[in-house]
Amino acid sequence: MTPDSAPAYGLWLLAAVNAAVFIIFALSFVKPKTPRDWRSFGAFSAFLVALFAEMYGFPLTIYLLSGWLQSAYPGIDWFSHNAGHLPEMLFGWRANPHFGPFHILSFLLIGGGFWLLSAAWPVLFAAQRAGRLATTGPYARIRHPQYAGFVLILTGFLVQWPTILTLAMYPVLIWMYLRLARTEEREARARFGAEYDAWAARVPAFLPWGSVAGGATS
């Protein structure tokens, strides 16, 4: 079978393996403990399952947009795997999309997200065991490095392979992480009091260059 004749979709085993690899990899950094932790991680996992189901299983987004895509871009085989990289295709990138600007950007975002998760977890774990506030490592720059890491990963996958379902899920997940952060702010302030207020007064929530307001551990 030549590469051109190889099936682009219907590869459900490949979809399952990819989703499982990324979910397990993220799980190794996050270690959910509370029901709230598991809900947030479950939503993150659902995003990845939906993404890889379209990437390798059934291209629902391409199917729904196929009429417009074929009319607007008649020279592209929209049911090939490469065409699933919609940003490259829509902006005229005709070389291998895996080396396109959006794909490279997605790898930087995904890699940065996983790095942030891996750097934040040991600091948070050590602080929790000692019963103190996590204020070192990534927590010296932002108050929510784990949530920020998840958002970077989700954004990277969305840039690489946008679908209707993941585009709909993305703002819901962002809202969920913001809500979880506010809940943790209240709990952290109640537990650590003035120490927490002093830390929150100098450390932004999600962006190192962002404004300082509220406070939370995450």
N, C-alpha and C. Protein backbone atom coordinates (compact mmCIF):
# COMPACT_ATOMS: atom_id res chain seq x y z
N MET A 1 0.85 -1.19 0.00
CA MET A 1 0.00 0.00 0.00
C MET A 1 0.89 1.25 0.00
N THR A 2 0.68 2.15 -0.91
CA THR A 2 1.45 3.37 -1.00
C THR A 2 0.95 4.39 -0.01
N PRO A 3 1.74 5.40 0.33
CA PRO A 3 1.29 6.43 1.26
C PRO A 3 0.04 7.13 0.77
N ASP A 4 -0.08 7.35 -0.55
CA ASP A 4 -1.24 8.05 -1.08
C ASP A 4 -2.51 7.23 -0.97
N SER A 5 -2.36 5.89 -1.00
CA SER A 5 -3.55 5.05 -0.95
C SER A 5 -3.88 4.60 0.47
N ALA A 6 -2.99 4.88 1.42
CA ALA A 6 -3.24 4.49 2.80
C ALA A 6 -4.44 5.23 3.36
N PRO A 7 -5.25 4.57 4.17
CA PRO A 7 -6.43 5.25 4.72
C PRO A 7 -6.04 6.40 5.63
N ALA A 8 -6.75 7.54 5.49
CA ALA A 8 -6.48 8.70 6.31
C ALA A 8 -7.26 8.64 7.61
N TYR A 9 -8.42 7.96 7.60
CA TYR A 9 -9.29 7.92 8.77
C TYR A 9 -9.76 6.49 9.00
N GLY A 10 -10.57 6.32 10.03
CA GLY A 10 -11.01 4.98 10.40
C GLY A 10 -9.97 4.24 11.21
N LEU A 11 -8.93 4.96 11.64
CA LEU A 11 -7.83 4.34 12.40
C LEU A 11 -8.12 4.51 13.90
N TRP A 12 -9.14 3.82 14.37
CA TRP A 12 -9.62 4.02 15.73
C TRP A 12 -8.63 3.54 16.78
N LEU A 13 -7.87 2.50 16.47
CA LEU A 13 -6.85 2.04 17.42
C LEU A 13 -5.79 3.12 17.60
N LEU A 14 -5.38 3.74 16.49
CA LEU A 14 -4.39 4.81 16.57
C LEU A 14 -4.94 6.00 17.35
N ALA A 15 -6.21 6.30 17.16
CA ALA A 15 -6.84 7.39 17.91
C ALA A 15 -6.83 7.08 19.40
N ALA A 16 -7.16 5.84 19.75
CA ALA A 16 -7.21 5.45 21.16
C ALA A 16 -5.82 5.48 21.78
N VAL A 17 -4.82 5.00 21.06
CA VAL A 17 -3.46 4.95 21.58
C VAL A 17 -2.93 6.36 21.81
N ASN A 18 -3.14 7.26 20.85
CA ASN A 18 -2.66 8.63 21.00
C ASN A 18 -3.33 9.33 22.18
N ALA A 19 -4.65 9.18 22.30
CA ALA A 19 -5.36 9.80 23.41
C ALA A 19 -4.84 9.24 24.74
N ALA A 20 -4.66 7.92 24.80
CA ALA A 20 -4.20 7.29 26.04
C ALA A 20 -2.80 7.76 26.42
N VAL A 21 -1.92 7.88 25.44
CA VAL A 21 -0.54 8.29 25.72
C VAL A 21 -0.51 9.70 26.33
N PHE A 22 -1.23 10.62 25.73
CA PHE A 22 -1.21 12.00 26.23
C PHE A 22 -1.94 12.11 27.58
N ILE A 23 -3.01 11.36 27.75
CA ILE A 23 -3.74 11.41 29.02
C ILE A 23 -2.89 10.83 30.15
N ILE A 24 -2.25 9.69 29.89
CA ILE A 24 -1.40 9.07 30.91
C ILE A 24 -0.19 9.95 31.21
N PHE A 25 0.36 10.56 30.17
CA PHE A 25 1.51 11.44 30.36
C PHE A 25 1.13 12.62 31.24
N ALA A 26 -0.01 13.24 30.97
CA ALA A 26 -0.47 14.35 31.81
C ALA A 26 -0.79 13.88 33.22
N LEU A 27 -1.38 12.70 33.33
CA LEU A 27 -1.75 12.16 34.65
C LEU A 27 -0.51 11.93 35.51
N SER A 28 0.61 11.60 34.87
CA SER A 28 1.83 11.35 35.63
C SER A 28 2.35 12.62 36.30
N PHE A 29 1.95 13.79 35.79
CA PHE A 29 2.38 15.05 36.36
C PHE A 29 1.37 15.62 37.36
N VAL A 30 0.09 15.35 37.13
CA VAL A 30 -0.96 16.06 37.85
C VAL A 30 -1.37 15.36 39.14
N LYS A 31 -1.52 14.04 39.12
CA LYS A 31 -1.91 13.26 40.29
C LYS A 31 -3.21 13.78 40.93
N PRO A 32 -4.35 13.71 40.25
CA PRO A 32 -5.61 14.20 40.86
C PRO A 32 -5.92 13.45 42.15
N LYS A 33 -6.44 14.17 43.12
CA LYS A 33 -6.78 13.56 44.41
C LYS A 33 -8.24 13.78 44.77
N THR A 34 -8.71 14.98 44.66
CA THR A 34 -10.08 15.31 45.06
C THR A 34 -11.04 15.11 43.90
N PRO A 35 -12.35 15.01 44.18
CA PRO A 35 -13.34 14.95 43.09
C PRO A 35 -13.23 16.13 42.13
N ARG A 36 -12.90 17.29 42.67
CA ARG A 36 -12.73 18.48 41.83
C ARG A 36 -11.54 18.30 40.88
N ASP A 37 -10.44 17.75 41.39
CA ASP A 37 -9.28 17.49 40.54
C ASP A 37 -9.64 16.53 39.41
N TRP A 38 -10.39 15.48 39.75
CA TRP A 38 -10.75 14.49 38.75
C TRP A 38 -11.71 15.05 37.70
N ARG A 39 -12.59 15.96 38.11
CA ARG A 39 -13.50 16.57 37.14
C ARG A 39 -12.73 17.42 36.13
N SER A 40 -11.79 18.20 36.63
CA SER A 40 -11.02 19.03 35.72
C SER A 40 -10.15 18.18 34.80
N PHE A 41 -9.56 17.12 35.34
CA PHE A 41 -8.74 16.25 34.50
C PHE A 41 -9.61 15.46 33.53
N GLY A 42 -10.82 15.09 33.95
CA GLY A 42 -11.73 14.38 33.06
C GLY A 42 -12.13 15.23 31.88
N ALA A 43 -12.37 16.53 32.10
CA ALA A 43 -12.72 17.44 31.00
C ALA A 43 -11.54 17.59 30.04
N PHE A 44 -10.34 17.69 30.58
CA PHE A 44 -9.14 17.75 29.76
C PHE A 44 -9.01 16.48 28.91
N SER A 45 -9.25 15.33 29.52
CA SER A 45 -9.16 14.05 28.81
C SER A 45 -10.22 13.96 27.71
N ALA A 46 -11.43 14.45 27.99
CA ALA A 46 -12.50 14.42 26.99
C ALA A 46 -12.12 15.25 25.77
N PHE A 47 -11.45 16.37 25.99
CA PHE A 47 -10.97 17.20 24.88
C PHE A 47 -10.01 16.40 24.00
N LEU A 48 -9.08 15.70 24.62
CA LEU A 48 -8.10 14.92 23.85
C LEU A 48 -8.76 13.78 23.11
N VAL A 49 -9.72 13.12 23.73
CA VAL A 49 -10.43 12.03 23.05
C VAL A 49 -11.17 12.56 21.83
N ALA A 50 -11.86 13.69 22.00
CA ALA A 50 -12.60 14.28 20.87
C ALA A 50 -11.64 14.68 19.75
N LEU A 51 -10.48 15.22 20.13
CA LEU A 51 -9.50 15.64 19.14
C LEU A 51 -8.98 14.47 18.32
N PHE A 52 -8.50 13.43 19.00
CA PHE A 52 -7.90 12.31 18.27
C PHE A 52 -8.94 11.47 17.55
N ALA A 53 -10.19 11.49 18.03
CA ALA A 53 -11.25 10.79 17.30
C ALA A 53 -11.44 11.39 15.92
N GLU A 54 -11.31 12.71 15.82
CA GLU A 54 -11.42 13.35 14.50
C GLU A 54 -10.11 13.29 13.72
N MET A 55 -9.00 13.30 14.43
CA MET A 55 -7.70 13.27 13.75
C MET A 55 -7.46 11.95 13.04
N TYR A 56 -7.91 10.84 13.66
CA TYR A 56 -7.63 9.52 13.09
C TYR A 56 -8.88 8.67 12.84
N GLY A 57 -9.99 9.03 13.49
CA GLY A 57 -11.20 8.21 13.36
C GLY A 57 -12.12 8.69 12.26
N PHE A 58 -12.96 9.67 12.58
CA PHE A 58 -13.91 10.19 11.59
C PHE A 58 -13.81 11.71 11.55
N PRO A 59 -13.53 12.32 10.38
CA PRO A 59 -13.31 13.77 10.29
C PRO A 59 -14.64 14.54 10.25
N LEU A 60 -15.32 14.60 11.37
CA LEU A 60 -16.64 15.23 11.41
C LEU A 60 -16.60 16.67 10.92
N THR A 61 -15.60 17.43 11.36
CA THR A 61 -15.51 18.84 10.97
C THR A 61 -15.32 18.98 9.46
N ILE A 62 -14.41 18.20 8.89
CA ILE A 62 -14.19 18.23 7.44
C ILE A 62 -15.47 17.82 6.70
N TYR A 63 -16.14 16.82 7.23
CA TYR A 63 -17.37 16.35 6.59
C TYR A 63 -18.43 17.46 6.58
N LEU A 64 -18.60 18.13 7.70
CA LEU A 64 -19.63 19.17 7.79
C LEU A 64 -19.28 20.39 6.95
N LEU A 65 -18.00 20.67 6.80
CA LEU A 65 -17.57 21.85 6.04
C LEU A 65 -17.15 21.51 4.62
N SER A 66 -17.29 20.25 4.22
CA SER A 66 -16.72 19.81 2.95
C SER A 66 -17.28 20.57 1.75
N GLY A 67 -18.57 20.91 1.77
CA GLY A 67 -19.15 21.64 0.64
C GLY A 67 -18.47 22.98 0.43
N TRP A 68 -18.34 23.74 1.51
CA TRP A 68 -17.68 25.05 1.41
C TRP A 68 -16.20 24.90 1.11
N LEU A 69 -15.53 23.95 1.76
CA LEU A 69 -14.09 23.78 1.55
C LEU A 69 -13.77 23.40 0.12
N GLN A 70 -14.54 22.49 -0.45
CA GLN A 70 -14.27 22.05 -1.82
C GLN A 70 -14.56 23.15 -2.82
N SER A 71 -15.52 24.01 -2.52
CA SER A 71 -15.82 25.13 -3.42
C SER A 71 -14.77 26.23 -3.31
N ALA A 72 -14.36 26.53 -2.09
CA ALA A 72 -13.40 27.62 -1.88
C ALA A 72 -11.96 27.20 -2.17
N TYR A 73 -11.65 25.93 -1.97
CA TYR A 73 -10.29 25.43 -2.18
C TYR A 73 -10.36 24.14 -2.99
N PRO A 74 -10.64 24.26 -4.29
CA PRO A 74 -10.90 23.05 -5.11
C PRO A 74 -9.68 22.17 -5.34
N GLY A 75 -8.49 22.68 -5.13
CA GLY A 75 -7.30 21.89 -5.43
C GLY A 75 -6.82 21.00 -4.30
N ILE A 76 -7.58 20.91 -3.22
CA ILE A 76 -7.14 20.15 -2.04
C ILE A 76 -8.03 18.93 -1.83
N ASP A 77 -7.40 17.81 -1.54
CA ASP A 77 -8.15 16.61 -1.15
C ASP A 77 -8.47 16.72 0.33
N TRP A 78 -9.65 17.20 0.64
CA TRP A 78 -9.99 17.53 2.03
C TRP A 78 -10.17 16.30 2.92
N PHE A 79 -10.21 15.13 2.33
CA PHE A 79 -10.34 13.93 3.15
C PHE A 79 -9.01 13.18 3.28
N SER A 80 -7.92 13.86 2.93
CA SER A 80 -6.60 13.32 3.22
C SER A 80 -6.21 13.74 4.63
N HIS A 81 -5.26 13.03 5.21
CA HIS A 81 -4.86 13.35 6.58
C HIS A 81 -4.22 14.74 6.66
N ASN A 82 -3.38 15.07 5.69
CA ASN A 82 -2.69 16.36 5.74
C ASN A 82 -3.66 17.53 5.73
N ALA A 83 -4.78 17.38 5.04
CA ALA A 83 -5.75 18.47 4.95
C ALA A 83 -6.45 18.73 6.27
N GLY A 84 -6.34 17.79 7.20
CA GLY A 84 -6.92 18.02 8.52
C GLY A 84 -6.22 19.12 9.29
N HIS A 85 -5.00 19.48 8.85
CA HIS A 85 -4.30 20.62 9.45
C HIS A 85 -4.88 21.88 8.82
N LEU A 86 -6.05 22.24 9.24
CA LEU A 86 -6.82 23.31 8.60
C LEU A 86 -6.09 24.65 8.54
N PRO A 87 -5.43 25.10 9.60
CA PRO A 87 -4.76 26.42 9.50
C PRO A 87 -3.77 26.49 8.36
N GLU A 88 -2.92 25.46 8.21
CA GLU A 88 -1.96 25.47 7.10
C GLU A 88 -2.68 25.49 5.76
N MET A 89 -3.72 24.69 5.62
CA MET A 89 -4.43 24.61 4.35
C MET A 89 -5.13 25.93 4.02
N LEU A 90 -5.80 26.50 4.99
CA LEU A 90 -6.58 27.72 4.75
C LEU A 90 -5.69 28.92 4.47
N PHE A 91 -4.46 28.91 5.01
CA PHE A 91 -3.55 30.03 4.77
C PHE A 91 -2.55 29.77 3.65
N GLY A 92 -2.79 28.70 2.89
CA GLY A 92 -2.02 28.50 1.67
C GLY A 92 -0.72 27.75 1.80
N TRP A 93 -0.48 27.10 2.94
CA TRP A 93 0.74 26.30 3.10
C TRP A 93 0.57 25.00 2.34
N ARG A 94 1.36 24.81 1.28
CA ARG A 94 1.18 23.62 0.43
C ARG A 94 2.29 22.59 0.61
N ALA A 95 3.28 22.88 1.42
CA ALA A 95 4.29 21.87 1.73
C ALA A 95 3.75 20.97 2.82
N ASN A 96 4.60 20.07 3.32
CA ASN A 96 4.18 19.17 4.38
C ASN A 96 3.67 19.96 5.58
N PRO A 97 2.40 19.81 5.96
CA PRO A 97 1.85 20.63 7.05
C PRO A 97 2.50 20.36 8.40
N HIS A 98 3.16 19.21 8.54
CA HIS A 98 3.84 18.91 9.81
C HIS A 98 5.03 19.84 10.05
N PHE A 99 5.45 20.55 9.00
CA PHE A 99 6.54 21.52 9.13
C PHE A 99 6.02 22.94 8.91
N GLY A 100 4.71 23.09 8.94
CA GLY A 100 4.11 24.40 8.76
C GLY A 100 4.20 25.26 10.01
N PRO A 101 3.98 26.56 9.88
CA PRO A 101 4.12 27.47 11.03
C PRO A 101 3.15 27.17 12.16
N PHE A 102 1.92 26.81 11.83
CA PHE A 102 0.95 26.53 12.89
C PHE A 102 1.29 25.25 13.62
N HIS A 103 1.78 24.26 12.87
CA HIS A 103 2.15 23.00 13.50
C HIS A 103 3.34 23.18 14.43
N ILE A 104 4.32 23.97 14.00
CA ILE A 104 5.48 24.24 14.85
C ILE A 104 5.04 25.01 16.10
N LEU A 105 4.17 26.01 15.91
CA LEU A 105 3.64 26.75 17.06
C LEU A 105 2.92 25.83 18.03
N SER A 106 2.16 24.87 17.49
CA SER A 106 1.43 23.95 18.36
C SER A 106 2.37 23.11 19.20
N PHE A 107 3.48 22.68 18.61
CA PHE A 107 4.45 21.89 19.38
C PHE A 107 5.08 22.72 20.50
N LEU A 108 5.34 23.98 20.22
CA LEU A 108 5.91 24.85 21.25
C LEU A 108 4.92 25.03 22.40
N LEU A 109 3.65 25.23 22.07
CA LEU A 109 2.62 25.41 23.10
C LEU A 109 2.43 24.13 23.91
N ILE A 110 2.32 22.99 23.22
CA ILE A 110 2.11 21.72 23.91
C ILE A 110 3.32 21.38 24.77
N GLY A 111 4.52 21.54 24.21
CA GLY A 111 5.73 21.26 24.97
C GLY A 111 5.86 22.17 26.17
N GLY A 112 5.54 23.46 25.98
CA GLY A 112 5.59 24.40 27.09
C GLY A 112 4.60 24.05 28.18
N GLY A 113 3.42 23.58 27.77
CA GLY A 113 2.41 23.19 28.75
C GLY A 113 2.84 22.00 29.58
N PHE A 114 3.38 20.99 28.92
CA PHE A 114 3.84 19.81 29.67
C PHE A 114 5.05 20.15 30.54
N TRP A 115 5.92 21.03 30.05
CA TRP A 115 7.05 21.45 30.89
C TRP A 115 6.55 22.16 32.14
N LEU A 116 5.54 23.02 31.99
CA LEU A 116 5.01 23.75 33.13
C LEU A 116 4.37 22.79 34.14
N LEU A 117 3.64 21.79 33.64
CA LEU A 117 3.06 20.79 34.53
C LEU A 117 4.14 20.04 35.29
N SER A 118 5.19 19.63 34.57
CA SER A 118 6.26 18.84 35.20
C SER A 118 7.04 19.66 36.21
N ALA A 119 7.18 20.98 35.95
CA ALA A 119 7.92 21.82 36.88
C ALA A 119 7.09 22.19 38.10
N ALA A 120 5.79 22.31 37.94
CA ALA A 120 4.92 22.75 39.04
C ALA A 120 4.60 21.63 40.01
N TRP A 121 4.40 20.41 39.51
CA TRP A 121 3.91 19.34 40.37
C TRP A 121 4.84 19.04 41.55
N PRO A 122 6.16 18.87 41.37
CA PRO A 122 7.01 18.58 42.54
C PRO A 122 6.97 19.67 43.59
N VAL A 123 6.88 20.93 43.15
CA VAL A 123 6.82 22.04 44.10
C VAL A 123 5.53 21.98 44.90
N LEU A 124 4.42 21.76 44.20
CA LEU A 124 3.12 21.69 44.88
C LEU A 124 3.06 20.49 45.82
N PHE A 125 3.56 19.34 45.36
CA PHE A 125 3.52 18.13 46.16
C PHE A 125 4.32 18.30 47.45
N ALA A 126 5.52 18.88 47.32
CA ALA A 126 6.35 19.09 48.51
C ALA A 126 5.69 20.06 49.48
N ALA A 127 5.06 21.11 48.95
CA ALA A 127 4.39 22.08 49.81
C ALA A 127 3.20 21.46 50.52
N GLN A 128 2.45 20.63 49.81
CA GLN A 128 1.29 19.98 50.42
C GLN A 128 1.72 19.04 51.53
N ARG A 129 2.79 18.31 51.34
CA ARG A 129 3.28 17.38 52.37
C ARG A 129 3.76 18.13 53.60
N ALA A 130 4.33 19.32 53.38
CA ALA A 130 4.83 20.10 54.50
C ALA A 130 3.76 21.01 55.12
N GLY A 131 2.61 21.05 54.50
CA GLY A 131 1.53 21.89 55.01
C GLY A 131 1.79 23.38 54.86
N ARG A 132 2.50 23.74 53.79
CA ARG A 132 2.81 25.15 53.57
C ARG A 132 2.33 25.60 52.19
N LEU A 133 2.46 26.87 51.92
CA LEU A 133 2.05 27.46 50.66
C LEU A 133 3.14 27.24 49.61
N ALA A 134 2.75 26.85 48.40
CA ALA A 134 3.71 26.68 47.31
C ALA A 134 4.00 28.04 46.70
N THR A 135 5.23 28.53 46.88
CA THR A 135 5.58 29.86 46.40
C THR A 135 6.90 29.88 45.62
N THR A 136 7.50 28.72 45.39
CA THR A 136 8.78 28.66 44.69
C THR A 136 8.59 28.04 43.30
N GLY A 137 9.67 27.98 42.52
CA GLY A 137 9.57 27.42 41.17
C GLY A 137 8.58 28.22 40.34
N PRO A 138 7.74 27.55 39.57
CA PRO A 138 6.75 28.26 38.77
C PRO A 138 5.79 29.11 39.61
N TYR A 139 5.60 28.70 40.87
CA TYR A 139 4.69 29.43 41.75
C TYR A 139 5.26 30.78 42.19
N ALA A 140 6.52 31.04 41.89
CA ALA A 140 7.09 32.35 42.15
C ALA A 140 6.76 33.33 41.03
N ARG A 141 6.28 32.79 39.90
CA ARG A 141 5.95 33.64 38.75
C ARG A 141 4.46 33.74 38.49
N ILE A 142 3.73 32.65 38.69
CA ILE A 142 2.27 32.66 38.51
C ILE A 142 1.65 31.78 39.60
N ARG A 143 0.41 32.09 39.96
CA ARG A 143 -0.23 31.36 41.04
C ARG A 143 -0.86 30.05 40.58
N HIS A 144 -1.11 29.90 39.29
CA HIS A 144 -1.81 28.72 38.78
C HIS A 144 -1.02 28.04 37.65
N PRO A 145 0.20 27.61 37.89
CA PRO A 145 0.98 27.02 36.79
C PRO A 145 0.37 25.75 36.22
N GLN A 146 -0.29 24.95 37.04
CA GLN A 146 -0.86 23.72 36.49
C GLN A 146 -2.03 24.01 35.55
N TYR A 147 -2.91 24.91 35.95
CA TYR A 147 -4.01 25.28 35.06
C TYR A 147 -3.48 25.97 33.81
N ALA A 148 -2.47 26.81 33.97
CA ALA A 148 -1.87 27.47 32.82
C ALA A 148 -1.25 26.43 31.87
N GLY A 149 -0.64 25.39 32.44
CA GLY A 149 -0.08 24.33 31.62
C GLY A 149 -1.14 23.61 30.82
N PHE A 150 -2.27 23.30 31.45
CA PHE A 150 -3.36 22.66 30.73
C PHE A 150 -3.86 23.54 29.59
N VAL A 151 -3.99 24.84 29.84
CA VAL A 151 -4.49 25.75 28.80
C VAL A 151 -3.50 25.82 27.64
N LEU A 152 -2.20 25.83 27.92
CA LEU A 152 -1.21 25.83 26.86
C LEU A 152 -1.33 24.57 26.00
N ILE A 153 -1.51 23.43 26.64
CA ILE A 153 -1.63 22.16 25.90
C ILE A 153 -2.89 22.17 25.04
N LEU A 154 -4.02 22.58 25.61
CA LEU A 154 -5.26 22.63 24.86
C LEU A 154 -5.16 23.59 23.69
N THR A 155 -4.53 24.74 23.92
CA THR A 155 -4.38 25.72 22.84
C THR A 155 -3.49 25.18 21.74
N GLY A 156 -2.42 24.49 22.12
CA GLY A 156 -1.54 23.90 21.12
C GLY A 156 -2.24 22.89 20.24
N PHE A 157 -3.02 22.00 20.85
CA PHE A 157 -3.75 21.02 20.04
C PHE A 157 -4.80 21.69 19.17
N LEU A 158 -5.41 22.76 19.68
CA LEU A 158 -6.42 23.47 18.90
C LEU A 158 -5.79 24.16 17.69
N VAL A 159 -4.61 24.70 17.87
CA VAL A 159 -3.90 25.33 16.75
C VAL A 159 -3.50 24.28 15.71
N GLN A 160 -3.09 23.11 16.20
CA GLN A 160 -2.63 22.06 15.29
C GLN A 160 -3.77 21.43 14.50
N TRP A 161 -4.89 21.15 15.16
CA TRP A 161 -5.95 20.40 14.51
C TRP A 161 -7.31 20.89 15.04
N PRO A 162 -7.76 22.06 14.60
CA PRO A 162 -9.04 22.59 15.10
C PRO A 162 -10.22 21.79 14.59
N THR A 163 -11.18 21.53 15.46
CA THR A 163 -12.42 20.87 15.06
C THR A 163 -13.59 21.64 15.68
N ILE A 164 -14.75 21.40 15.15
CA ILE A 164 -15.93 22.08 15.67
C ILE A 164 -16.15 21.72 17.13
N LEU A 165 -16.00 20.45 17.46
CA LEU A 165 -16.24 20.00 18.83
C LEU A 165 -15.22 20.58 19.81
N THR A 166 -13.94 20.54 19.45
CA THR A 166 -12.93 21.06 20.37
C THR A 166 -13.00 22.58 20.47
N LEU A 167 -13.39 23.25 19.39
CA LEU A 167 -13.60 24.70 19.46
C LEU A 167 -14.74 25.04 20.42
N ALA A 168 -15.76 24.20 20.44
CA ALA A 168 -16.87 24.41 21.37
C ALA A 168 -16.47 24.09 22.80
N MET A 169 -15.62 23.07 22.98
CA MET A 169 -15.20 22.67 24.32
C MET A 169 -14.19 23.63 24.93
N TYR A 170 -13.39 24.26 24.11
CA TYR A 170 -12.27 25.08 24.59
C TYR A 170 -12.71 26.19 25.55
N PRO A 171 -13.66 27.06 25.18
CA PRO A 171 -14.05 28.11 26.14
C PRO A 171 -14.70 27.55 27.40
N VAL A 172 -15.37 26.40 27.29
CA VAL A 172 -15.97 25.78 28.47
C VAL A 172 -14.87 25.34 29.44
N LEU A 173 -13.80 24.77 28.89
CA LEU A 173 -12.69 24.33 29.74
C LEU A 173 -11.98 25.53 30.37
N ILE A 174 -11.80 26.61 29.61
CA ILE A 174 -11.18 27.80 30.17
C ILE A 174 -12.03 28.34 31.33
N TRP A 175 -13.34 28.40 31.12
CA TRP A 175 -14.24 28.87 32.19
C TRP A 175 -14.15 27.96 33.40
N MET A 176 -14.05 26.65 33.17
CA MET A 176 -13.98 25.70 34.28
C MET A 176 -12.71 25.91 35.09
N TYR A 177 -11.57 26.13 34.40
CA TYR A 177 -10.32 26.35 35.12
C TYR A 177 -10.36 27.65 35.90
N LEU A 178 -10.97 28.69 35.32
CA LEU A 178 -11.09 29.95 36.05
C LEU A 178 -11.95 29.78 37.30
N ARG A 179 -13.01 29.03 37.16
CA ARG A 179 -13.89 28.79 38.31
C ARG A 179 -13.18 27.98 39.39
N LEU A 180 -12.42 26.97 38.98
CA LEU A 180 -11.67 26.19 39.95
C LEU A 180 -10.63 27.06 40.65
N ALA A 181 -10.00 27.94 39.89
CA ALA A 181 -9.00 28.82 40.49
C ALA A 181 -9.62 29.72 41.54
N ARG A 182 -10.79 30.25 41.27
CA ARG A 182 -11.45 31.12 42.26
C ARG A 182 -11.81 30.33 43.52
N THR A 183 -12.24 29.08 43.33
CA THR A 183 -12.55 28.26 44.50
C THR A 183 -11.31 28.03 45.34
N GLU A 184 -10.19 27.74 44.69
CA GLU A 184 -8.95 27.52 45.41
C GLU A 184 -8.45 28.80 46.08
N GLU A 185 -8.74 29.95 45.45
CA GLU A 185 -8.36 31.22 46.07
C GLU A 185 -9.02 31.37 47.45
N ARG A 186 -10.30 31.07 47.50
CA ARG A 186 -11.03 31.20 48.77
C ARG A 186 -10.47 30.23 49.80
N GLU A 187 -10.21 28.99 49.40
CA GLU A 187 -9.70 27.99 50.33
C GLU A 187 -8.30 28.35 50.82
N ALA A 188 -7.44 28.80 49.90
CA ALA A 188 -6.07 29.14 50.28
C ALA A 188 -6.05 30.35 51.21
N ARG A 189 -6.88 31.34 50.93
CA ARG A 189 -6.91 32.52 51.78
C ARG A 189 -7.41 32.16 53.19
N ALA A 190 -8.40 31.28 53.25
CA ALA A 190 -8.92 30.87 54.55
C ALA A 190 -7.88 30.08 55.34
N ARG A 191 -7.03 29.34 54.66
CA ARG A 191 -6.05 28.50 55.35
C ARG A 191 -4.77 29.25 55.73
N PHE A 192 -4.26 30.08 54.79
CA PHE A 192 -2.95 30.70 55.01
C PHE A 192 -3.02 32.17 55.38
N GLY A 193 -4.17 32.78 55.25
CA GLY A 193 -4.37 34.14 55.72
C GLY A 193 -3.43 35.17 55.13
N ALA A 194 -2.75 35.92 56.01
CA ALA A 194 -1.89 37.03 55.59
C ALA A 194 -0.73 36.56 54.72
N GLU A 195 -0.21 35.36 54.99
CA GLU A 195 0.88 34.85 54.16
C GLU A 195 0.43 34.71 52.72
N TYR A 196 -0.78 34.19 52.57
CA TYR A 196 -1.31 34.03 51.23
C TYR A 196 -1.57 35.38 50.56
N ASP A 197 -2.15 36.31 51.29
CA ASP A 197 -2.45 37.63 50.74
C ASP A 197 -1.18 38.32 50.26
N ALA A 198 -0.09 38.18 51.01
CA ALA A 198 1.18 38.81 50.62
C ALA A 198 1.71 38.19 49.33
N TRP A 199 1.61 36.87 49.21
CA TRP A 199 2.07 36.18 48.00
C TRP A 199 1.20 36.56 46.81
N ALA A 200 -0.11 36.57 47.00
CA ALA A 200 -1.03 36.89 45.91
C ALA A 200 -0.91 38.34 45.47
N ALA A 201 -0.45 39.21 46.37
CA ALA A 201 -0.32 40.62 46.03
C ALA A 201 0.84 40.88 45.07
N ARG A 202 1.81 39.94 45.00
CA ARG A 202 2.97 40.18 44.15
C ARG A 202 3.05 39.20 42.96
N VAL A 203 2.24 38.14 42.96
CA VAL A 203 2.32 37.12 41.91
C VAL A 203 1.03 37.09 41.10
N PRO A 204 1.09 37.28 39.77
CA PRO A 204 -0.12 37.23 38.94
C PRO A 204 -0.72 35.83 38.92
N ALA A 205 -1.95 35.73 38.44
CA ALA A 205 -2.67 34.46 38.47
C ALA A 205 -2.19 33.48 37.39
N PHE A 206 -2.21 33.90 36.13
CA PHE A 206 -1.93 32.96 35.04
C PHE A 206 -0.78 33.38 34.13
N LEU A 207 -0.56 34.68 33.98
CA LEU A 207 0.47 35.18 33.09
C LEU A 207 1.53 35.92 33.89
N PRO A 208 2.82 35.64 33.67
CA PRO A 208 3.87 36.31 34.45
C PRO A 208 3.80 37.83 34.33
N TRP A 209 3.29 38.32 33.20
CA TRP A 209 3.21 39.75 32.99
C TRP A 209 1.79 40.27 33.25
N GLY A 210 0.91 39.42 33.78
CA GLY A 210 -0.46 39.82 33.99
C GLY A 210 -0.65 40.66 35.24
N SER A 211 -1.88 41.15 35.41
CA SER A 211 -2.19 41.94 36.60
C SER A 211 -2.32 41.03 37.80
N VAL A 212 -2.10 41.57 38.97
CA VAL A 212 -2.18 40.83 40.22
C VAL A 212 -3.54 41.10 40.85
N ALA A 213 -4.29 40.01 41.08
CA ALA A 213 -5.60 40.15 41.73
C ALA A 213 -6.00 38.82 42.30
N GLY A 214 -6.66 38.82 43.43
CA GLY A 214 -7.15 37.58 44.04
C GLY A 214 -6.00 36.76 44.56
N GLY A 215 -6.16 35.43 44.50
CA GLY A 215 -5.08 34.57 44.95
C GLY A 215 -5.50 33.13 45.00
N ALA A 216 -4.58 32.21 44.72
CA ALA A 216 -4.88 30.79 44.82
C ALA A 216 -3.62 29.98 44.72
N THR A 217 -3.68 28.78 45.19
CA THR A 217 -2.68 27.79 44.89
C THR A 217 -3.27 26.89 43.83
N SER A 218 -2.48 26.45 42.91
CA SER A 218 -2.94 25.46 41.93
C SER A 218 -1.75 24.91 41.20
